[in-house]
């Protein structure tokens, strides 16, 4: 399995976790603002990775991955905020943030690899 497929699978798994966490925060914590922001950024990561897979050029591929990178980093911000405000516990934060951080590292690595090949 190549790095693009791993990234596709991991980002889809992350999106599923984002939806589940959103539902939990809505139903159990009655939190509607931060959870919606997290849902949007968390599901956008995989959507942009999918778009990158169908890029028209290496430059377009890198551009789409940059967007995914920004969305992934934003997701980490919302997770940190939810943890700091006690909407989620430390264990839940660490589990989801670890996954987001891993996806972020893979995205950055993919961007660097493609940029080096473009030179």
Protein backbone atom coordinates (compact mmCIF):
# COMPACT_ATOMS: atom_id res chain seq x y z
CA UNK A 1 0.00 0.00 0.00
CA UNK A 2 1.47 3.35 -0.97
CA UNK A 3 1.58 6.54 1.08
CA UNK A 4 -1.36 8.11 -0.79
CA UNK A 5 -3.61 5.16 0.05
CA UNK A 6 -2.55 5.21 3.69
CA UNK A 7 -3.29 8.92 3.82
CA UNK A 8 -6.68 8.37 2.19
CA UNK A 9 -7.58 5.63 4.70
CA UNK A 10 -6.31 7.49 7.74
CA UNK A 11 -8.05 10.74 6.79
CA UNK A 12 -11.33 8.86 6.22
CA UNK A 13 -10.99 7.18 9.61
CA UNK A 14 -10.30 10.59 11.15
CA UNK A 15 -13.43 12.02 9.49
CA UNK A 16 -15.50 9.22 11.01
CA UNK A 17 -14.08 10.07 14.44
CA UNK A 18 -14.83 13.76 13.83
CA UNK A 19 -18.47 12.94 13.07
CA UNK A 20 -18.74 10.71 16.15
CA UNK A 21 -17.17 13.35 18.40
CA UNK A 22 -19.48 16.00 16.92
CA UNK A 23 -22.54 13.84 17.67
CA UNK A 24 -21.33 13.22 21.21
CA UNK A 25 -20.70 16.91 21.87
CA UNK A 26 -24.08 17.88 20.45
CA UNK A 27 -26.09 15.24 22.28
CA UNK A 28 -24.24 14.82 25.57
CA UNK A 29 -22.52 18.15 26.18
CA UNK A 30 -24.98 20.39 24.34
CA UNK A 31 -22.02 22.15 22.69
CA UNK A 32 -22.91 23.53 19.25
CA UNK A 33 -20.23 26.00 18.13
CA UNK A 34 -16.79 24.45 18.66
CA UNK A 35 -18.05 21.00 17.71
CA UNK A 36 -19.35 22.31 14.37
CA UNK A 37 -16.01 23.98 13.64
CA UNK A 38 -14.21 20.73 14.43
CA UNK A 39 -16.63 18.75 12.26
CA UNK A 40 -15.99 21.04 9.30
CA UNK A 41 -12.21 20.99 9.54
CA UNK A 42 -12.00 17.31 10.51
CA UNK A 43 -14.03 16.13 7.53
CA UNK A 44 -12.38 18.60 5.16
CA UNK A 45 -8.98 16.94 5.59
CA UNK A 46 -10.03 13.78 3.79
CA UNK A 47 -12.09 15.66 1.21
CA UNK A 48 -9.05 17.69 0.18
CA UNK A 49 -6.86 14.61 0.10
CA UNK A 50 -9.38 13.02 -2.26
CA UNK A 51 -9.29 16.14 -4.42
CA UNK A 52 -5.49 15.99 -4.47
CA UNK A 53 -5.65 12.43 -5.72
CA UNK A 54 -7.50 13.74 -8.79
CA UNK A 55 -5.27 16.78 -9.28
CA UNK A 56 -4.63 18.05 -12.78
CA UNK A 57 -0.93 18.62 -12.18
CA UNK A 58 1.75 18.18 -9.51
CA UNK A 59 1.31 21.86 -8.61
CA UNK A 60 -2.45 21.35 -8.18
CA UNK A 61 -1.72 18.23 -6.08
CA UNK A 62 0.53 20.21 -3.75
CA UNK A 63 -2.05 23.01 -3.52
CA UNK A 64 -4.80 20.57 -2.45
CA UNK A 65 -2.50 18.94 0.10
CA UNK A 66 -1.65 22.37 1.52
CA UNK A 67 -5.36 22.93 2.10
CA UNK A 68 -5.63 19.52 3.78
CA UNK A 69 -2.62 20.43 5.93
CA UNK A 70 -4.27 23.67 7.07
CA UNK A 71 -7.54 21.88 7.85
CA UNK A 72 -5.72 19.20 9.81
CA UNK A 73 -3.86 21.80 11.86
CA UNK A 74 -7.14 23.64 12.46
CA UNK A 75 -8.67 20.38 13.68
CA UNK A 76 -5.84 20.09 16.19
CA UNK A 77 -6.61 23.61 17.40
CA UNK A 78 -10.27 22.76 18.02
CA UNK A 79 -9.28 19.56 19.80
CA UNK A 80 -6.91 21.51 22.06
CA UNK A 81 -9.65 24.03 22.79
CA UNK A 82 -12.21 21.32 23.57
CA UNK A 83 -9.73 19.68 25.92
CA UNK A 84 -8.77 22.94 27.62
CA UNK A 85 -12.44 23.79 28.19
CA UNK A 86 -13.25 20.28 29.46
CA UNK A 87 -15.64 19.34 26.67
CA UNK A 88 -13.51 16.26 26.09
CA UNK A 89 -11.26 14.39 28.47
CA UNK A 90 -7.51 14.04 28.19
CA UNK A 91 -7.72 10.43 27.00
CA UNK A 92 -10.12 11.30 24.15
CA UNK A 93 -8.04 14.35 23.25
CA UNK A 94 -4.80 12.35 23.09
CA UNK A 95 -6.37 9.59 21.00
CA UNK A 96 -7.86 11.89 18.35
CA UNK A 97 -5.02 14.44 18.40
CA UNK A 98 -2.45 11.67 17.93
CA UNK A 99 -4.28 10.53 14.80
CA UNK A 100 -4.51 14.10 13.47
CA UNK A 101 -0.82 14.69 14.16
CA UNK A 102 0.10 11.52 12.28
CA UNK A 103 -2.00 12.59 9.29
CA UNK A 104 -0.38 16.02 9.41
CA UNK A 105 3.11 14.48 9.32
CA UNK A 106 2.19 12.31 6.33
CA UNK A 107 0.71 15.29 4.47
CA UNK A 108 3.84 17.37 5.09
CA UNK A 109 6.05 14.50 3.95
CA UNK A 110 3.97 14.03 0.79
CA UNK A 111 4.20 17.74 -0.02
CA UNK A 112 7.98 17.73 0.39
CA UNK A 113 8.35 14.60 -1.75
CA UNK A 114 6.29 16.03 -4.61
CA UNK A 115 8.05 19.39 -4.44
CA UNK A 116 11.44 17.68 -4.66
CA UNK A 117 10.30 15.70 -7.68
CA UNK A 118 9.06 18.90 -9.35
CA UNK A 119 12.54 20.45 -9.25
